[in-house]
ModelCIF file with pLDDT and N, C-alpha, C, O atoms, coordinates in Angstrom:
data_MODEL
#
_entry.id   MODEL 
#
_entity.id                         1 
_entity.type                       polymer 
_entity.pdbx_number_of_molecules   1 
#
_entity_poly.entity_id                      1 
_entity_poly.type                           'polypeptide(L)' 
_entity_poly.nstd_linkage                   no 
_entity_poly.nstd_monomer                   no 
_entity_poly.pdbx_seq_one_letter_code       YVGVQRRFVASSDIDPDPRVGGEQRVIRLCEHRQAS 
_entity_poly.pdbx_seq_one_letter_code_can   YVGVQRRFVASSDIDPDPRVGGEQRVIRLCEHRQAS 
_entity_poly.pdbx_strand_id                 A 
#
loop_
_entity_poly_seq.entity_id 
_entity_poly_seq.num 
_entity_poly_seq.mon_id 
_entity_poly_seq.hetero 
1 1  TYR n 
1 2  VAL n 
1 3  GLY n 
1 4  VAL n 
1 5  GLN n 
1 6  ARG n 
1 7  ARG n 
1 8  PHE n 
1 9  VAL n 
1 10 ALA n 
1 11 SER n 
1 12 SER n 
1 13 ASP n 
1 14 ILE n 
1 15 ASP n 
1 16 PRO n 
1 17 ASP n 
1 18 PRO n 
1 19 ARG n 
1 20 VAL n 
1 21 GLY n 
1 22 GLY n 
1 23 GLU n 
1 24 GLN n 
1 25 ARG n 
1 26 VAL n 
1 27 ILE n 
1 28 ARG n 
1 29 LEU n 
1 30 CYS n 
1 31 GLU n 
1 32 HIS n 
1 33 ARG n 
1 34 GLN n 
1 35 ALA n 
1 36 SER n 
#
_struct_asym.id          A 
_struct_asym.entity_id   1 
#
loop_
_ma_qa_metric.id 
_ma_qa_metric.mode 
_ma_qa_metric.name 
_ma_qa_metric.software_group_id 
_ma_qa_metric.type 
1 global pLDDT . pLDDT 
2 local  pLDDT . pLDDT 
#
_ma_qa_metric_global.metric_id      1 
_ma_qa_metric_global.metric_value   90.44 
_ma_qa_metric_global.model_id       1 
_ma_qa_metric_global.ordinal_id     1 
#
loop_
_ma_qa_metric_local.label_asym_id 
_ma_qa_metric_local.label_comp_id 
_ma_qa_metric_local.label_seq_id 
_ma_qa_metric_local.metric_id 
_ma_qa_metric_local.metric_value 
_ma_qa_metric_local.model_id 
_ma_qa_metric_local.ordinal_id 
A TYR 1  2 98.00 1 1  
A VAL 2  2 98.00 1 2  
A GLY 3  2 97.00 1 3  
A VAL 4  2 96.00 1 4  
A GLN 5  2 94.00 1 5  
A ARG 6  2 94.00 1 6  
A ARG 7  2 97.00 1 7  
A PHE 8  2 98.00 1 8  
A VAL 9  2 97.00 1 9  
A ALA 10 2 97.00 1 10 
A SER 11 2 95.00 1 11 
A SER 12 2 93.00 1 12 
A ASP 13 2 93.00 1 13 
A ILE 14 2 90.00 1 14 
A ASP 15 2 79.00 1 15 
A PRO 16 2 64.00 1 16 
A ASP 17 2 73.00 1 17 
A PRO 18 2 73.00 1 18 
A ARG 19 2 76.00 1 19 
A VAL 20 2 76.00 1 20 
A GLY 21 2 77.00 1 21 
A GLY 22 2 86.00 1 22 
A GLU 23 2 91.00 1 23 
A GLN 24 2 91.00 1 24 
A ARG 25 2 92.00 1 25 
A VAL 26 2 94.00 1 26 
A ILE 27 2 94.00 1 27 
A ARG 28 2 93.00 1 28 
A LEU 29 2 95.00 1 29 
A CYS 30 2 95.00 1 30 
A GLU 31 2 94.00 1 31 
A HIS 32 2 93.00 1 32 
A ARG 33 2 95.00 1 33 
A GLN 34 2 95.00 1 34 
A ALA 35 2 97.00 1 35 
A SER 36 2 96.00 1 36 
#
loop_
_atom_site.group_PDB 
_atom_site.id 
_atom_site.type_symbol 
_atom_site.label_atom_id 
_atom_site.label_alt_id 
_atom_site.label_comp_id 
_atom_site.label_asym_id 
_atom_site.label_entity_id 
_atom_site.label_seq_id 
_atom_site.pdbx_PDB_ins_code 
_atom_site.Cartn_x 
_atom_site.Cartn_y 
_atom_site.Cartn_z 
_atom_site.occupancy 
_atom_site.B_iso_or_equiv 
_atom_site.pdbx_formal_charge 
_atom_site.auth_seq_id 
_atom_site.auth_comp_id 
_atom_site.auth_asym_id 
_atom_site.auth_atom_id 
_atom_site.pdbx_PDB_model_num 
ATOM 1   N N  . TYR A 1 1  ? 65.601 77.984 74.394 1.00 98.00 ? 1  TYR A N  1 
ATOM 2   C CA . TYR A 1 1  ? 64.251 78.532 75.622 1.00 98.00 ? 1  TYR A CA 1 
ATOM 3   C C  . TYR A 1 1  ? 63.764 80.009 74.729 1.00 98.00 ? 1  TYR A C  1 
ATOM 4   O O  . TYR A 1 1  ? 62.579 80.293 74.554 1.00 98.00 ? 1  TYR A O  1 
ATOM 5   N N  . VAL A 1 2  ? 64.785 80.759 74.279 1.00 98.00 ? 2  VAL A N  1 
ATOM 6   C CA . VAL A 1 2  ? 64.427 81.760 73.429 1.00 98.00 ? 2  VAL A CA 1 
ATOM 7   C C  . VAL A 1 2  ? 63.985 82.168 72.027 1.00 98.00 ? 2  VAL A C  1 
ATOM 8   O O  . VAL A 1 2  ? 63.520 83.132 71.419 1.00 98.00 ? 2  VAL A O  1 
ATOM 9   N N  . GLY A 1 3  ? 64.345 81.027 71.861 1.00 97.00 ? 3  GLY A N  1 
ATOM 10  C CA . GLY A 1 3  ? 63.493 80.488 70.528 1.00 97.00 ? 3  GLY A CA 1 
ATOM 11  C C  . GLY A 1 3  ? 64.849 81.137 69.222 1.00 97.00 ? 3  GLY A C  1 
ATOM 12  O O  . GLY A 1 3  ? 64.660 82.000 68.365 1.00 97.00 ? 3  GLY A O  1 
ATOM 13  N N  . VAL A 1 4  ? 65.740 80.605 69.409 1.00 96.00 ? 4  VAL A N  1 
ATOM 14  C CA . VAL A 1 4  ? 66.853 80.954 68.271 1.00 96.00 ? 4  VAL A CA 1 
ATOM 15  C C  . VAL A 1 4  ? 67.537 79.700 67.833 1.00 96.00 ? 4  VAL A C  1 
ATOM 16  O O  . VAL A 1 4  ? 67.745 78.663 68.463 1.00 96.00 ? 4  VAL A O  1 
ATOM 17  N N  . GLN A 1 5  ? 67.820 80.015 66.677 1.00 94.00 ? 5  GLN A N  1 
ATOM 18  C CA . GLN A 1 5  ? 68.325 78.419 65.893 1.00 94.00 ? 5  GLN A CA 1 
ATOM 19  C C  . GLN A 1 5  ? 69.549 78.543 65.558 1.00 94.00 ? 5  GLN A C  1 
ATOM 20  O O  . GLN A 1 5  ? 69.610 79.469 64.750 1.00 94.00 ? 5  GLN A O  1 
ATOM 21  N N  . ARG A 1 6  ? 70.997 77.912 65.831 1.00 94.00 ? 6  ARG A N  1 
ATOM 22  C CA . ARG A 1 6  ? 72.199 77.443 65.636 1.00 94.00 ? 6  ARG A CA 1 
ATOM 23  C C  . ARG A 1 6  ? 72.855 76.142 65.147 1.00 94.00 ? 6  ARG A C  1 
ATOM 24  O O  . ARG A 1 6  ? 72.695 74.971 65.491 1.00 94.00 ? 6  ARG A O  1 
ATOM 25  N N  . ARG A 1 7  ? 73.217 76.411 64.728 1.00 97.00 ? 7  ARG A N  1 
ATOM 26  C CA . ARG A 1 7  ? 74.028 74.801 64.118 1.00 97.00 ? 7  ARG A CA 1 
ATOM 27  C C  . ARG A 1 7  ? 75.237 75.053 65.331 1.00 97.00 ? 7  ARG A C  1 
ATOM 28  O O  . ARG A 1 7  ? 75.664 76.119 65.773 1.00 97.00 ? 7  ARG A O  1 
ATOM 29  N N  . PHE A 1 8  ? 75.667 73.413 65.740 1.00 98.00 ? 8  PHE A N  1 
ATOM 30  C CA . PHE A 1 8  ? 76.649 73.787 66.614 1.00 98.00 ? 8  PHE A CA 1 
ATOM 31  C C  . PHE A 1 8  ? 77.312 71.947 66.727 1.00 98.00 ? 8  PHE A C  1 
ATOM 32  O O  . PHE A 1 8  ? 76.642 70.916 66.686 1.00 98.00 ? 8  PHE A O  1 
ATOM 33  N N  . VAL A 1 9  ? 78.595 72.076 66.851 1.00 97.00 ? 9  VAL A N  1 
ATOM 34  C CA . VAL A 1 9  ? 79.651 71.061 66.368 1.00 97.00 ? 9  VAL A CA 1 
ATOM 35  C C  . VAL A 1 9  ? 80.482 71.357 67.322 1.00 97.00 ? 9  VAL A C  1 
ATOM 36  O O  . VAL A 1 9  ? 80.713 72.526 67.630 1.00 97.00 ? 9  VAL A O  1 
ATOM 37  N N  . ALA A 1 10 ? 81.228 69.979 68.115 1.00 97.00 ? 10 ALA A N  1 
ATOM 38  C CA . ALA A 1 10 ? 82.056 69.840 68.951 1.00 97.00 ? 10 ALA A CA 1 
ATOM 39  C C  . ALA A 1 10 ? 83.330 70.093 67.855 1.00 97.00 ? 10 ALA A C  1 
ATOM 40  O O  . ALA A 1 10 ? 83.148 69.970 66.643 1.00 97.00 ? 10 ALA A O  1 
ATOM 41  N N  . SER A 1 11 ? 84.722 70.486 68.475 1.00 95.00 ? 11 SER A N  1 
ATOM 42  C CA . SER A 1 11 ? 85.950 70.489 67.646 1.00 95.00 ? 11 SER A CA 1 
ATOM 43  C C  . SER A 1 11 ? 86.258 68.953 67.542 1.00 95.00 ? 11 SER A C  1 
ATOM 44  O O  . SER A 1 11 ? 86.778 68.476 66.533 1.00 95.00 ? 11 SER A O  1 
ATOM 45  N N  . SER A 1 12 ? 85.844 68.066 68.843 1.00 93.00 ? 12 SER A N  1 
ATOM 46  C CA . SER A 1 12 ? 86.892 66.407 68.875 1.00 93.00 ? 12 SER A CA 1 
ATOM 47  C C  . SER A 1 12 ? 85.916 65.924 67.898 1.00 93.00 ? 12 SER A C  1 
ATOM 48  O O  . SER A 1 12 ? 86.161 64.794 67.475 1.00 93.00 ? 12 SER A O  1 
ATOM 49  N N  . ASP A 1 13 ? 85.011 66.421 67.495 1.00 93.00 ? 13 ASP A N  1 
ATOM 50  C CA . ASP A 1 13 ? 83.645 65.791 66.421 1.00 93.00 ? 13 ASP A CA 1 
ATOM 51  C C  . ASP A 1 13 ? 84.509 65.668 65.229 1.00 93.00 ? 13 ASP A C  1 
ATOM 52  O O  . ASP A 1 13 ? 84.946 64.675 64.648 1.00 93.00 ? 13 ASP A O  1 
ATOM 53  N N  . ILE A 1 14 ? 84.658 67.078 64.992 1.00 90.00 ? 14 ILE A N  1 
ATOM 54  C CA . ILE A 1 14 ? 85.626 67.361 63.523 1.00 90.00 ? 14 ILE A CA 1 
ATOM 55  C C  . ILE A 1 14 ? 86.948 66.906 63.107 1.00 90.00 ? 14 ILE A C  1 
ATOM 56  O O  . ILE A 1 14 ? 87.324 66.328 62.088 1.00 90.00 ? 14 ILE A O  1 
ATOM 57  N N  . ASP A 1 15 ? 87.737 67.428 64.453 1.00 79.00 ? 15 ASP A N  1 
ATOM 58  C CA . ASP A 1 15 ? 89.059 67.803 63.702 1.00 79.00 ? 15 ASP A CA 1 
ATOM 59  C C  . ASP A 1 15 ? 89.873 66.801 65.468 1.00 79.00 ? 15 ASP A C  1 
ATOM 60  O O  . ASP A 1 15 ? 90.141 67.310 66.556 1.00 79.00 ? 15 ASP A O  1 
ATOM 61  N N  . PRO A 1 16 ? 90.014 65.411 65.042 1.00 64.00 ? 16 PRO A N  1 
ATOM 62  C CA . PRO A 1 16 ? 90.341 64.774 66.437 1.00 64.00 ? 16 PRO A CA 1 
ATOM 63  C C  . PRO A 1 16 ? 91.588 65.261 66.560 1.00 64.00 ? 16 PRO A C  1 
ATOM 64  O O  . PRO A 1 16 ? 91.982 64.621 67.535 1.00 64.00 ? 16 PRO A O  1 
ATOM 65  N N  . ASP A 1 17 ? 92.817 66.224 66.113 1.00 73.00 ? 17 ASP A N  1 
ATOM 66  C CA . ASP A 1 17 ? 93.836 66.012 66.317 1.00 73.00 ? 17 ASP A CA 1 
ATOM 67  C C  . ASP A 1 17 ? 94.110 67.945 67.043 1.00 73.00 ? 17 ASP A C  1 
ATOM 68  O O  . ASP A 1 17 ? 94.221 68.956 66.349 1.00 73.00 ? 17 ASP A O  1 
ATOM 69  N N  . PRO A 1 18 ? 94.132 67.890 68.024 1.00 73.00 ? 18 PRO A N  1 
ATOM 70  C CA . PRO A 1 18 ? 94.094 69.546 68.841 1.00 73.00 ? 18 PRO A CA 1 
ATOM 71  C C  . PRO A 1 18 ? 95.777 69.928 68.718 1.00 73.00 ? 18 PRO A C  1 
ATOM 72  O O  . PRO A 1 18 ? 95.932 71.130 68.930 1.00 73.00 ? 18 PRO A O  1 
ATOM 73  N N  . ARG A 1 19 ? 96.935 69.290 68.461 1.00 76.00 ? 19 ARG A N  1 
ATOM 74  C CA . ARG A 1 19 ? 98.028 69.793 68.600 1.00 76.00 ? 19 ARG A CA 1 
ATOM 75  C C  . ARG A 1 19 ? 98.128 70.593 68.237 1.00 76.00 ? 19 ARG A C  1 
ATOM 76  O O  . ARG A 1 19 ? 98.357 71.522 69.012 1.00 76.00 ? 19 ARG A O  1 
ATOM 77  N N  . VAL A 1 20 ? 98.041 70.851 66.867 1.00 76.00 ? 20 VAL A N  1 
ATOM 78  C CA . VAL A 1 20 ? 97.606 72.546 66.260 1.00 76.00 ? 20 VAL A CA 1 
ATOM 79  C C  . VAL A 1 20 ? 96.538 73.647 66.760 1.00 76.00 ? 20 VAL A C  1 
ATOM 80  O O  . VAL A 1 20 ? 95.316 73.681 66.614 1.00 76.00 ? 20 VAL A O  1 
ATOM 81  N N  . GLY A 1 21 ? 97.452 74.560 67.419 1.00 77.00 ? 21 GLY A N  1 
ATOM 82  C CA . GLY A 1 21 ? 96.494 75.186 68.154 1.00 77.00 ? 21 GLY A CA 1 
ATOM 83  C C  . GLY A 1 21 ? 96.867 76.615 67.899 1.00 77.00 ? 21 GLY A C  1 
ATOM 84  O O  . GLY A 1 21 ? 98.032 76.724 67.518 1.00 77.00 ? 21 GLY A O  1 
ATOM 85  N N  . GLY A 1 22 ? 96.268 77.635 67.993 1.00 86.00 ? 22 GLY A N  1 
ATOM 86  C CA . GLY A 1 22 ? 95.553 78.977 67.640 1.00 86.00 ? 22 GLY A CA 1 
ATOM 87  C C  . GLY A 1 22 ? 95.278 79.271 66.800 1.00 86.00 ? 22 GLY A C  1 
ATOM 88  O O  . GLY A 1 22 ? 94.260 78.753 66.342 1.00 86.00 ? 22 GLY A O  1 
ATOM 89  N N  . GLU A 1 23 ? 95.887 80.162 66.115 1.00 91.00 ? 23 GLU A N  1 
ATOM 90  C CA . GLU A 1 23 ? 95.520 80.987 64.629 1.00 91.00 ? 23 GLU A CA 1 
ATOM 91  C C  . GLU A 1 23 ? 95.062 79.513 63.510 1.00 91.00 ? 23 GLU A C  1 
ATOM 92  O O  . GLU A 1 23 ? 93.920 79.253 63.134 1.00 91.00 ? 23 GLU A O  1 
ATOM 93  N N  . GLN A 1 24 ? 96.169 78.831 63.215 1.00 91.00 ? 24 GLN A N  1 
ATOM 94  C CA . GLN A 1 24 ? 96.707 77.556 62.259 1.00 91.00 ? 24 GLN A CA 1 
ATOM 95  C C  . GLN A 1 24 ? 95.514 76.755 62.678 1.00 91.00 ? 24 GLN A C  1 
ATOM 96  O O  . GLN A 1 24 ? 95.015 76.059 61.793 1.00 91.00 ? 24 GLN A O  1 
ATOM 97  N N  . ARG A 1 25 ? 94.777 76.716 64.275 1.00 92.00 ? 25 ARG A N  1 
ATOM 98  C CA . ARG A 1 25 ? 93.834 75.695 64.415 1.00 92.00 ? 25 ARG A CA 1 
ATOM 99  C C  . ARG A 1 25 ? 92.670 76.111 64.247 1.00 92.00 ? 25 ARG A C  1 
ATOM 100 O O  . ARG A 1 25 ? 91.700 75.371 64.408 1.00 92.00 ? 25 ARG A O  1 
ATOM 101 N N  . VAL A 1 26 ? 92.568 77.345 63.900 1.00 94.00 ? 26 VAL A N  1 
ATOM 102 C CA . VAL A 1 26 ? 91.188 78.569 64.141 1.00 94.00 ? 26 VAL A CA 1 
ATOM 103 C C  . VAL A 1 26 ? 90.826 78.465 62.240 1.00 94.00 ? 26 VAL A C  1 
ATOM 104 O O  . VAL A 1 26 ? 89.653 78.329 61.893 1.00 94.00 ? 26 VAL A O  1 
ATOM 105 N N  . ILE A 1 27 ? 91.628 78.523 61.477 1.00 94.00 ? 27 ILE A N  1 
ATOM 106 C CA . ILE A 1 27 ? 91.318 78.497 59.834 1.00 94.00 ? 27 ILE A CA 1 
ATOM 107 C C  . ILE A 1 27 ? 91.211 76.781 59.490 1.00 94.00 ? 27 ILE A C  1 
ATOM 108 O O  . ILE A 1 27 ? 90.538 76.364 58.548 1.00 94.00 ? 27 ILE A O  1 
ATOM 109 N N  . ARG A 1 28 ? 91.928 75.949 60.343 1.00 93.00 ? 28 ARG A N  1 
ATOM 110 C CA . ARG A 1 28 ? 91.733 74.706 60.003 1.00 93.00 ? 28 ARG A CA 1 
ATOM 111 C C  . ARG A 1 28 ? 90.218 74.037 60.267 1.00 93.00 ? 28 ARG A C  1 
ATOM 112 O O  . ARG A 1 28 ? 89.672 73.037 59.802 1.00 93.00 ? 28 ARG A O  1 
ATOM 113 N N  . LEU A 1 29 ? 89.914 74.771 60.958 1.00 95.00 ? 29 LEU A N  1 
ATOM 114 C CA . LEU A 1 29 ? 88.236 74.197 61.524 1.00 95.00 ? 29 LEU A CA 1 
ATOM 115 C C  . LEU A 1 29 ? 87.633 74.939 60.538 1.00 95.00 ? 29 LEU A C  1 
ATOM 116 O O  . LEU A 1 29 ? 86.762 74.294 59.953 1.00 95.00 ? 29 LEU A O  1 
ATOM 117 N N  . CYS A 1 30 ? 87.836 76.466 60.002 1.00 95.00 ? 30 CYS A N  1 
ATOM 118 C CA . CYS A 1 30 ? 87.524 77.176 58.769 1.00 95.00 ? 30 CYS A CA 1 
ATOM 119 C C  . CYS A 1 30 ? 87.200 76.173 57.874 1.00 95.00 ? 30 CYS A C  1 
ATOM 120 O O  . CYS A 1 30 ? 86.032 76.064 57.501 1.00 95.00 ? 30 CYS A O  1 
ATOM 121 N N  . GLU A 1 31 ? 88.201 75.302 57.409 1.00 94.00 ? 31 GLU A N  1 
ATOM 122 C CA . GLU A 1 31 ? 88.347 75.381 56.014 1.00 94.00 ? 31 GLU A CA 1 
ATOM 123 C C  . GLU A 1 31 ? 87.814 74.196 56.033 1.00 94.00 ? 31 GLU A C  1 
ATOM 124 O O  . GLU A 1 31 ? 87.675 73.855 54.859 1.00 94.00 ? 31 GLU A O  1 
ATOM 125 N N  . HIS A 1 32 ? 87.384 73.262 56.844 1.00 93.00 ? 32 HIS A N  1 
ATOM 126 C CA . HIS A 1 32 ? 87.138 72.029 57.436 1.00 93.00 ? 32 HIS A CA 1 
ATOM 127 C C  . HIS A 1 32 ? 85.218 72.151 57.624 1.00 93.00 ? 32 HIS A C  1 
ATOM 128 O O  . HIS A 1 32 ? 84.406 71.227 57.598 1.00 93.00 ? 32 HIS A O  1 
ATOM 129 N N  . ARG A 1 33 ? 85.063 73.086 57.740 1.00 95.00 ? 33 ARG A N  1 
ATOM 130 C CA . ARG A 1 33 ? 83.470 73.494 57.930 1.00 95.00 ? 33 ARG A CA 1 
ATOM 131 C C  . ARG A 1 33 ? 82.761 74.261 56.734 1.00 95.00 ? 33 ARG A C  1 
ATOM 132 O O  . ARG A 1 33 ? 81.608 74.590 56.456 1.00 95.00 ? 33 ARG A O  1 
ATOM 133 N N  . GLN A 1 34 ? 84.209 74.399 56.078 1.00 95.00 ? 34 GLN A N  1 
ATOM 134 C CA . GLN A 1 34 ? 83.933 75.449 54.225 1.00 95.00 ? 34 GLN A CA 1 
ATOM 135 C C  . GLN A 1 34 ? 83.332 76.140 54.981 1.00 95.00 ? 34 GLN A C  1 
ATOM 136 O O  . GLN A 1 34 ? 82.131 76.009 54.743 1.00 95.00 ? 34 GLN A O  1 
ATOM 137 N N  . ALA A 1 35 ? 83.587 77.134 56.150 1.00 97.00 ? 35 ALA A N  1 
ATOM 138 C CA . ALA A 1 35 ? 83.248 78.571 56.296 1.00 97.00 ? 35 ALA A CA 1 
ATOM 139 C C  . ALA A 1 35 ? 84.226 79.939 55.763 1.00 97.00 ? 35 ALA A C  1 
ATOM 140 O O  . ALA A 1 35 ? 85.412 79.770 56.046 1.00 97.00 ? 35 ALA A O  1 
ATOM 141 N N  . SER A 1 36 ? 83.996 80.949 55.211 1.00 96.00 ? 36 SER A N  1 
ATOM 142 C CA . SER A 1 36 ? 84.646 82.122 54.716 1.00 96.00 ? 36 SER A CA 1 
ATOM 143 C C  . SER A 1 36 ? 84.775 82.757 55.221 1.00 96.00 ? 36 SER A C  1 
ATOM 144 O O  . SER A 1 36 ? 85.334 83.773 54.805 1.00 96.00 ? 36 SER A O  1 
#
């Protein structure tokens, strides 16, 4: 609506095992999405 474009994804679509939480989960998501 305000004209801002970003990419979005759900964690359940890219990392189906949520048993690892907290900091480890975030790092894993960064690695999966190739974010530095």
